[in-house]
Amino acid sequence: MERPSIYDAAGGEAAFRALAAEHHRRCLADPLLEHPFSHGVRPDHVERLAAYWAEVFGGPPRYSETYGGEPAMMGMHAGYGITAETGERFVECFVAAQDAVGLPDEPALRGSLRAYMEWAVADVLARQAPGTTADPLAVVPRWGWEGLQPAT
């Protein structure tokens, strides 16, 4: 029997919407993380974030089909000046949001979610030099139980 995707194990669409909303709320309430949002965010930011994370973890490719895929995501973050401290706090808020929304307290699931976010933050931090742009051919990464999956 095949193991369910992380998307399904976490609770699917509703779980990722709740996670994105709670994470966003926590970021806005954090003095360090609030700064990037101080210039305003799209009204559908939470929906976009939920769609992105859902796609990463094995859900439908809605972010790629509707919102521009990985080039759009990286275009928002590349060359922005995000610091390691900001990245660490972002991960902390992500982990706390999982508890707040009641994601299953299953070690493999929680470990996979955290491992992805640590990898994603490192990926974003690697693209912070001024003038860095997004790769127009990049695809949304897929993250499974064993980590980063090969691009298909």
N, C-alpha and C. Protein backbone atom coordinates (compact mmCIF):
# COMPACT_ATOMS: atom_id res chain seq x y z
N MET A 1 0.84 -1.19 0.00
CA MET A 1 0.00 0.00 0.00
C MET A 1 0.89 1.25 0.00
N GLU A 2 0.58 2.17 -0.89
CA GLU A 2 1.37 3.38 -1.03
C GLU A 2 1.03 4.37 0.08
N ARG A 3 2.06 5.00 0.60
CA ARG A 3 1.90 6.01 1.65
C ARG A 3 1.22 7.25 1.05
N PRO A 4 0.30 7.86 1.79
CA PRO A 4 -0.35 9.06 1.25
C PRO A 4 0.66 10.20 1.13
N SER A 5 0.34 11.17 0.30
CA SER A 5 1.20 12.35 0.19
C SER A 5 1.19 13.11 1.51
N ILE A 6 2.15 13.97 1.68
CA ILE A 6 2.17 14.83 2.87
C ILE A 6 0.92 15.72 2.86
N TYR A 7 0.53 16.17 1.68
CA TYR A 7 -0.68 16.96 1.52
C TYR A 7 -1.88 16.23 2.14
N ASP A 8 -2.07 14.97 1.76
CA ASP A 8 -3.19 14.20 2.28
C ASP A 8 -3.04 13.90 3.77
N ALA A 9 -1.83 13.54 4.19
CA ALA A 9 -1.60 13.21 5.60
C ALA A 9 -1.84 14.41 6.51
N ALA A 10 -1.57 15.62 6.00
CA ALA A 10 -1.77 16.83 6.80
C ALA A 10 -3.24 17.22 6.90
N GLY A 11 -4.06 16.76 5.95
CA GLY A 11 -5.48 17.09 5.98
C GLY A 11 -5.98 17.77 4.72
N GLY A 12 -5.14 17.82 3.67
CA GLY A 12 -5.58 18.34 2.39
C GLY A 12 -5.77 19.84 2.35
N GLU A 13 -6.62 20.26 1.44
CA GLU A 13 -6.85 21.68 1.15
C GLU A 13 -7.19 22.49 2.40
N ALA A 14 -8.11 22.01 3.20
CA ALA A 14 -8.53 22.76 4.39
C ALA A 14 -7.37 22.95 5.36
N ALA A 15 -6.55 21.94 5.52
CA ALA A 15 -5.41 22.04 6.44
C ALA A 15 -4.41 23.09 5.95
N PHE A 16 -4.13 23.10 4.66
CA PHE A 16 -3.16 24.07 4.15
C PHE A 16 -3.71 25.49 4.13
N ARG A 17 -5.00 25.64 3.95
CA ARG A 17 -5.60 26.98 4.08
C ARG A 17 -5.48 27.48 5.51
N ALA A 18 -5.81 26.61 6.46
CA ALA A 18 -5.70 27.00 7.87
C ALA A 18 -4.25 27.30 8.24
N LEU A 19 -3.33 26.46 7.78
CA LEU A 19 -1.91 26.66 8.08
C LEU A 19 -1.42 27.99 7.50
N ALA A 20 -1.77 28.28 6.27
CA ALA A 20 -1.35 29.53 5.64
C ALA A 20 -1.92 30.74 6.37
N ALA A 21 -3.19 30.67 6.75
CA ALA A 21 -3.82 31.79 7.45
C ALA A 21 -3.17 32.02 8.81
N GLU A 22 -2.92 30.95 9.54
CA GLU A 22 -2.31 31.09 10.86
C GLU A 22 -0.86 31.54 10.75
N HIS A 23 -0.13 31.02 9.80
CA HIS A 23 1.25 31.44 9.62
C HIS A 23 1.31 32.92 9.25
N HIS A 24 0.45 33.34 8.35
CA HIS A 24 0.41 34.74 7.95
C HIS A 24 0.07 35.63 9.15
N ARG A 25 -0.90 35.21 9.95
CA ARG A 25 -1.27 35.98 11.14
C ARG A 25 -0.08 36.13 12.08
N ARG A 26 0.65 35.04 12.28
CA ARG A 26 1.81 35.08 13.17
C ARG A 26 2.92 35.97 12.61
N CYS A 27 3.13 35.93 11.31
CA CYS A 27 4.15 36.79 10.70
C CYS A 27 3.80 38.27 10.88
N LEU A 28 2.54 38.61 10.68
CA LEU A 28 2.13 40.00 10.85
C LEU A 28 2.26 40.47 12.29
N ALA A 29 2.13 39.55 13.24
CA ALA A 29 2.22 39.91 14.66
C ALA A 29 3.66 39.94 15.16
N ASP A 30 4.60 39.45 14.38
CA ASP A 30 6.00 39.38 14.79
C ASP A 30 6.73 40.66 14.38
N PRO A 31 7.42 41.32 15.31
CA PRO A 31 8.09 42.58 14.97
C PRO A 31 9.14 42.45 13.85
N LEU A 32 9.81 41.34 13.76
CA LEU A 32 10.81 41.15 12.70
C LEU A 32 10.16 40.76 11.38
N LEU A 33 9.22 39.85 11.42
CA LEU A 33 8.60 39.35 10.19
C LEU A 33 7.57 40.31 9.60
N GLU A 34 7.04 41.18 10.41
CA GLU A 34 6.03 42.10 9.93
C GLU A 34 6.60 43.07 8.90
N HIS A 35 7.88 43.41 9.02
CA HIS A 35 8.47 44.42 8.14
C HIS A 35 8.29 44.13 6.65
N PRO A 36 8.56 42.90 6.18
CA PRO A 36 8.37 42.67 4.74
C PRO A 36 6.93 42.89 4.27
N PHE A 37 5.98 42.79 5.19
CA PHE A 37 4.58 42.98 4.83
C PHE A 37 4.12 44.43 4.98
N SER A 38 5.00 45.28 5.50
CA SER A 38 4.60 46.66 5.82
C SER A 38 4.26 47.47 4.58
N HIS A 39 4.70 47.01 3.42
CA HIS A 39 4.39 47.72 2.18
C HIS A 39 3.10 47.18 1.54
N GLY A 40 2.43 46.30 2.27
CA GLY A 40 1.17 45.74 1.78
C GLY A 40 1.37 44.38 1.12
N VAL A 41 0.31 43.61 1.11
CA VAL A 41 0.31 42.30 0.46
C VAL A 41 -0.95 42.21 -0.40
N ARG A 42 -0.93 41.28 -1.29
CA ARG A 42 -2.10 41.04 -2.13
C ARG A 42 -3.26 40.59 -1.25
N PRO A 43 -4.47 40.95 -1.60
CA PRO A 43 -5.63 40.52 -0.80
C PRO A 43 -5.77 38.99 -0.75
N ASP A 44 -5.25 38.32 -1.77
CA ASP A 44 -5.36 36.86 -1.82
C ASP A 44 -4.06 36.16 -1.40
N HIS A 45 -3.24 36.86 -0.60
CA HIS A 45 -1.95 36.30 -0.19
C HIS A 45 -2.10 34.93 0.49
N VAL A 46 -3.01 34.82 1.42
CA VAL A 46 -3.17 33.56 2.15
C VAL A 46 -3.60 32.45 1.20
N GLU A 47 -4.50 32.75 0.29
CA GLU A 47 -4.95 31.75 -0.69
C GLU A 47 -3.78 31.29 -1.56
N ARG A 48 -2.96 32.24 -2.00
CA ARG A 48 -1.80 31.90 -2.82
C ARG A 48 -0.81 31.04 -2.04
N LEU A 49 -0.55 31.43 -0.80
CA LEU A 49 0.39 30.68 0.03
C LEU A 49 -0.12 29.26 0.27
N ALA A 50 -1.38 29.12 0.56
CA ALA A 50 -1.96 27.79 0.77
C ALA A 50 -1.84 26.95 -0.50
N ALA A 51 -2.11 27.55 -1.65
CA ALA A 51 -2.01 26.82 -2.92
C ALA A 51 -0.57 26.40 -3.19
N TYR A 52 0.37 27.27 -2.87
CA TYR A 52 1.79 26.94 -3.08
C TYR A 52 2.20 25.76 -2.20
N TRP A 53 1.95 25.89 -0.90
CA TRP A 53 2.34 24.80 0.00
C TRP A 53 1.63 23.51 -0.34
N ALA A 54 0.36 23.59 -0.70
CA ALA A 54 -0.38 22.38 -1.08
C ALA A 54 0.30 21.70 -2.27
N GLU A 55 0.67 22.48 -3.27
CA GLU A 55 1.33 21.92 -4.45
C GLU A 55 2.68 21.31 -4.09
N VAL A 56 3.45 21.99 -3.28
CA VAL A 56 4.76 21.47 -2.85
C VAL A 56 4.60 20.08 -2.22
N PHE A 57 3.59 19.92 -1.40
CA PHE A 57 3.44 18.69 -0.62
C PHE A 57 2.57 17.62 -1.28
N GLY A 58 2.30 17.77 -2.57
CA GLY A 58 1.61 16.71 -3.30
C GLY A 58 0.17 16.99 -3.65
N GLY A 59 -0.29 18.19 -3.39
CA GLY A 59 -1.65 18.56 -3.75
C GLY A 59 -1.74 19.00 -5.20
N PRO A 60 -2.88 19.51 -5.58
CA PRO A 60 -3.09 19.91 -6.98
C PRO A 60 -2.15 21.06 -7.38
N PRO A 61 -1.84 21.16 -8.68
CA PRO A 61 -0.91 22.19 -9.16
C PRO A 61 -1.58 23.56 -9.36
N ARG A 62 -2.43 23.92 -8.46
CA ARG A 62 -3.19 25.17 -8.59
C ARG A 62 -2.30 26.40 -8.59
N TYR A 63 -1.24 26.41 -7.77
CA TYR A 63 -0.36 27.58 -7.75
C TYR A 63 0.30 27.76 -9.12
N SER A 64 0.80 26.69 -9.69
CA SER A 64 1.44 26.77 -11.00
C SER A 64 0.45 27.17 -12.09
N GLU A 65 -0.74 26.63 -12.03
CA GLU A 65 -1.74 26.90 -13.07
C GLU A 65 -2.39 28.27 -12.95
N THR A 66 -2.47 28.80 -11.74
CA THR A 66 -3.22 30.03 -11.51
C THR A 66 -2.35 31.24 -11.19
N TYR A 67 -1.26 31.02 -10.47
CA TYR A 67 -0.51 32.15 -9.92
C TYR A 67 0.90 32.34 -10.48
N GLY A 68 1.30 31.57 -11.47
CA GLY A 68 2.60 31.81 -12.09
C GLY A 68 3.70 30.86 -11.70
N GLY A 69 3.42 29.91 -10.85
CA GLY A 69 4.41 28.90 -10.51
C GLY A 69 5.64 29.43 -9.78
N GLU A 70 6.69 28.67 -9.83
CA GLU A 70 7.92 28.98 -9.10
C GLU A 70 8.55 30.31 -9.53
N PRO A 71 8.56 30.65 -10.82
CA PRO A 71 9.12 31.96 -11.17
C PRO A 71 8.41 33.11 -10.45
N ALA A 72 7.11 33.03 -10.29
CA ALA A 72 6.37 34.08 -9.57
C ALA A 72 6.75 34.08 -8.09
N MET A 73 6.83 32.90 -7.49
CA MET A 73 7.17 32.82 -6.07
C MET A 73 8.58 33.37 -5.83
N MET A 74 9.53 32.92 -6.62
CA MET A 74 10.90 33.37 -6.40
C MET A 74 11.07 34.83 -6.79
N GLY A 75 10.30 35.29 -7.75
CA GLY A 75 10.38 36.69 -8.14
C GLY A 75 9.98 37.62 -7.00
N MET A 76 9.09 37.16 -6.13
CA MET A 76 8.68 37.97 -4.97
C MET A 76 9.76 38.02 -3.91
N HIS A 77 10.67 37.04 -3.89
CA HIS A 77 11.62 36.92 -2.79
C HIS A 77 13.07 37.15 -3.18
N ALA A 78 13.42 37.00 -4.44
CA ALA A 78 14.81 37.13 -4.88
C ALA A 78 15.29 38.57 -4.74
N GLY A 79 16.50 38.72 -4.21
CA GLY A 79 17.11 40.04 -4.09
C GLY A 79 16.41 40.98 -3.14
N TYR A 80 15.61 40.45 -2.25
CA TYR A 80 14.80 41.27 -1.35
C TYR A 80 15.55 41.70 -0.09
N GLY A 81 16.65 41.02 0.21
CA GLY A 81 17.43 41.36 1.40
C GLY A 81 16.99 40.62 2.65
N ILE A 82 16.37 39.48 2.49
CA ILE A 82 15.93 38.67 3.62
C ILE A 82 17.17 38.14 4.36
N THR A 83 17.14 38.18 5.67
CA THR A 83 18.30 37.76 6.47
C THR A 83 18.09 36.38 7.07
N ALA A 84 19.19 35.80 7.54
CA ALA A 84 19.11 34.49 8.19
C ALA A 84 18.22 34.55 9.42
N GLU A 85 18.28 35.64 10.18
CA GLU A 85 17.43 35.78 11.37
C GLU A 85 15.96 35.78 10.97
N THR A 86 15.64 36.47 9.90
CA THR A 86 14.26 36.48 9.41
C THR A 86 13.83 35.08 9.01
N GLY A 87 14.71 34.37 8.33
CA GLY A 87 14.41 33.00 7.91
C GLY A 87 14.15 32.08 9.08
N GLU A 88 14.98 32.19 10.12
CA GLU A 88 14.79 31.35 11.31
C GLU A 88 13.45 31.64 11.97
N ARG A 89 13.11 32.91 12.07
CA ARG A 89 11.84 33.28 12.70
C ARG A 89 10.67 32.79 11.86
N PHE A 90 10.82 32.83 10.52
CA PHE A 90 9.78 32.35 9.62
C PHE A 90 9.51 30.86 9.88
N VAL A 91 10.58 30.08 10.04
CA VAL A 91 10.44 28.65 10.34
C VAL A 91 9.75 28.47 11.69
N GLU A 92 10.16 29.22 12.69
CA GLU A 92 9.54 29.12 14.02
C GLU A 92 8.03 29.38 13.94
N CYS A 93 7.64 30.39 13.19
CA CYS A 93 6.21 30.70 13.04
C CYS A 93 5.48 29.58 12.31
N PHE A 94 6.14 28.98 11.33
CA PHE A 94 5.55 27.87 10.58
C PHE A 94 5.29 26.68 11.50
N VAL A 95 6.27 26.36 12.34
CA VAL A 95 6.12 25.22 13.26
C VAL A 95 5.02 25.53 14.29
N ALA A 96 5.01 26.73 14.83
CA ALA A 96 3.97 27.10 15.80
C ALA A 96 2.59 27.10 15.16
N ALA A 97 2.50 27.50 13.91
CA ALA A 97 1.20 27.52 13.22
C ALA A 97 0.65 26.11 13.07
N GLN A 98 1.52 25.13 12.88
CA GLN A 98 1.06 23.74 12.76
C GLN A 98 0.34 23.30 14.03
N ASP A 99 0.92 23.67 15.16
CA ASP A 99 0.29 23.33 16.44
C ASP A 99 -1.03 24.07 16.59
N ALA A 100 -1.03 25.35 16.26
CA ALA A 100 -2.22 26.18 16.46
C ALA A 100 -3.42 25.70 15.65
N VAL A 101 -3.17 25.18 14.46
CA VAL A 101 -4.30 24.74 13.63
C VAL A 101 -4.60 23.25 13.81
N GLY A 102 -3.83 22.58 14.64
CA GLY A 102 -4.12 21.19 14.96
C GLY A 102 -3.76 20.18 13.88
N LEU A 103 -2.66 20.45 13.16
CA LEU A 103 -2.22 19.42 12.21
C LEU A 103 -1.88 18.16 13.00
N PRO A 104 -2.00 17.00 12.38
CA PRO A 104 -1.70 15.77 13.10
C PRO A 104 -0.31 15.81 13.75
N ASP A 105 -0.26 15.39 14.98
CA ASP A 105 1.00 15.39 15.74
C ASP A 105 1.74 14.09 15.49
N GLU A 106 2.04 13.85 14.23
CA GLU A 106 2.72 12.63 13.80
C GLU A 106 4.15 13.02 13.46
N PRO A 107 5.16 12.41 14.12
CA PRO A 107 6.55 12.86 13.96
C PRO A 107 7.05 12.90 12.52
N ALA A 108 6.73 11.92 11.70
CA ALA A 108 7.22 11.93 10.31
C ALA A 108 6.61 13.10 9.54
N LEU A 109 5.34 13.37 9.76
CA LEU A 109 4.67 14.48 9.09
C LEU A 109 5.29 15.80 9.53
N ARG A 110 5.35 16.02 10.83
CA ARG A 110 5.90 17.28 11.34
C ARG A 110 7.36 17.45 10.94
N GLY A 111 8.12 16.37 10.96
CA GLY A 111 9.52 16.44 10.55
C GLY A 111 9.67 16.80 9.08
N SER A 112 8.82 16.25 8.24
CA SER A 112 8.87 16.55 6.81
C SER A 112 8.48 18.00 6.54
N LEU A 113 7.45 18.48 7.22
CA LEU A 113 7.03 19.87 7.04
C LEU A 113 8.15 20.84 7.45
N ARG A 114 8.75 20.57 8.59
CA ARG A 114 9.84 21.44 9.07
C ARG A 114 11.05 21.35 8.16
N ALA A 115 11.41 20.14 7.74
CA ALA A 115 12.57 19.98 6.85
C ALA A 115 12.37 20.75 5.56
N TYR A 116 11.16 20.69 5.01
CA TYR A 116 10.89 21.47 3.80
C TYR A 116 11.09 22.95 4.06
N MET A 117 10.50 23.47 5.14
CA MET A 117 10.56 24.90 5.38
C MET A 117 12.00 25.35 5.61
N GLU A 118 12.79 24.55 6.29
CA GLU A 118 14.20 24.90 6.48
C GLU A 118 14.92 24.91 5.13
N TRP A 119 14.63 23.94 4.27
CA TRP A 119 15.23 23.90 2.94
C TRP A 119 14.77 25.11 2.12
N ALA A 120 13.48 25.42 2.16
CA ALA A 120 12.93 26.53 1.38
C ALA A 120 13.52 27.87 1.82
N VAL A 121 13.67 28.05 3.12
CA VAL A 121 14.26 29.29 3.63
C VAL A 121 15.72 29.39 3.15
N ALA A 122 16.47 28.30 3.22
CA ALA A 122 17.85 28.31 2.74
C ALA A 122 17.90 28.65 1.25
N ASP A 123 16.96 28.12 0.50
CA ASP A 123 16.89 28.39 -0.94
C ASP A 123 16.62 29.88 -1.19
N VAL A 124 15.70 30.45 -0.44
CA VAL A 124 15.40 31.88 -0.58
C VAL A 124 16.61 32.71 -0.16
N LEU A 125 17.25 32.34 0.95
CA LEU A 125 18.41 33.10 1.42
C LEU A 125 19.55 33.08 0.40
N ALA A 126 19.68 32.00 -0.34
CA ALA A 126 20.74 31.90 -1.35
C ALA A 126 20.49 32.84 -2.52
N ARG A 127 19.32 33.43 -2.60
CA ARG A 127 18.97 34.31 -3.72
C ARG A 127 18.78 35.75 -3.27
N GLN A 128 19.51 36.19 -2.26
CA GLN A 128 19.30 37.52 -1.72
C GLN A 128 20.27 38.59 -2.21
N ALA A 129 21.24 38.22 -3.00
CA ALA A 129 22.17 39.23 -3.51
C ALA A 129 21.41 40.25 -4.36
N PRO A 130 21.77 41.52 -4.25
CA PRO A 130 21.11 42.54 -5.08
C PRO A 130 21.20 42.16 -6.56
N GLY A 131 20.11 42.37 -7.27
CA GLY A 131 20.08 42.07 -8.68
C GLY A 131 19.74 40.63 -9.03
N THR A 132 19.60 39.77 -8.01
CA THR A 132 19.23 38.38 -8.26
C THR A 132 17.81 38.33 -8.81
N THR A 133 17.61 37.51 -9.81
CA THR A 133 16.28 37.37 -10.39
C THR A 133 15.86 35.90 -10.34
N ALA A 134 14.60 35.67 -10.57
CA ALA A 134 14.06 34.32 -10.56
C ALA A 134 14.37 33.62 -11.87
N ASP A 135 14.58 32.32 -11.80
CA ASP A 135 14.78 31.50 -12.99
C ASP A 135 13.42 31.33 -13.66
N PRO A 136 13.25 31.79 -14.89
CA PRO A 136 11.94 31.70 -15.54
C PRO A 136 11.51 30.26 -15.86
N LEU A 137 12.45 29.31 -15.79
CA LEU A 137 12.13 27.92 -16.09
C LEU A 137 11.96 27.06 -14.83
N ALA A 138 12.10 27.67 -13.67
CA ALA A 138 11.98 26.91 -12.42
C ALA A 138 10.57 26.36 -12.26
N VAL A 139 10.48 25.22 -11.61
CA VAL A 139 9.19 24.62 -11.31
C VAL A 139 9.00 24.54 -9.80
N VAL A 140 7.77 24.55 -9.36
CA VAL A 140 7.47 24.43 -7.93
C VAL A 140 8.10 23.12 -7.44
N PRO A 141 8.90 23.20 -6.39
CA PRO A 141 9.51 21.96 -5.88
C PRO A 141 8.44 21.04 -5.31
N ARG A 142 8.72 19.77 -5.34
CA ARG A 142 7.84 18.78 -4.71
C ARG A 142 8.60 18.16 -3.56
N TRP A 143 7.94 18.09 -2.41
CA TRP A 143 8.56 17.58 -1.20
C TRP A 143 7.77 16.37 -0.72
N GLY A 144 8.45 15.26 -0.59
CA GLY A 144 7.82 14.04 -0.12
C GLY A 144 8.41 13.59 1.21
N TRP A 145 8.04 12.41 1.61
CA TRP A 145 8.47 11.88 2.90
C TRP A 145 10.00 11.75 2.99
N GLU A 146 10.65 11.60 1.86
CA GLU A 146 12.10 11.47 1.84
C GLU A 146 12.79 12.78 1.50
N GLY A 147 12.07 13.87 1.43
CA GLY A 147 12.66 15.16 1.13
C GLY A 147 12.33 15.63 -0.28
N LEU A 148 13.23 16.43 -0.83
CA LEU A 148 13.03 17.02 -2.15
C LEU A 148 12.95 15.92 -3.20
N GLN A 149 11.91 15.99 -4.01
CA GLN A 149 11.69 15.01 -5.07
C GLN A 149 12.29 15.52 -6.38
N PRO A 150 12.75 14.61 -7.23
CA PRO A 150 13.28 15.06 -8.52
C PRO A 150 12.19 15.75 -9.34
N ALA A 151 12.58 16.78 -10.09
CA ALA A 151 11.63 17.46 -10.96
C ALA A 151 11.17 16.51 -12.05
N THR A 152 9.89 16.61 -12.37
CA THR A 152 9.35 15.73 -13.42
C THR A 152 8.99 16.51 -14.65
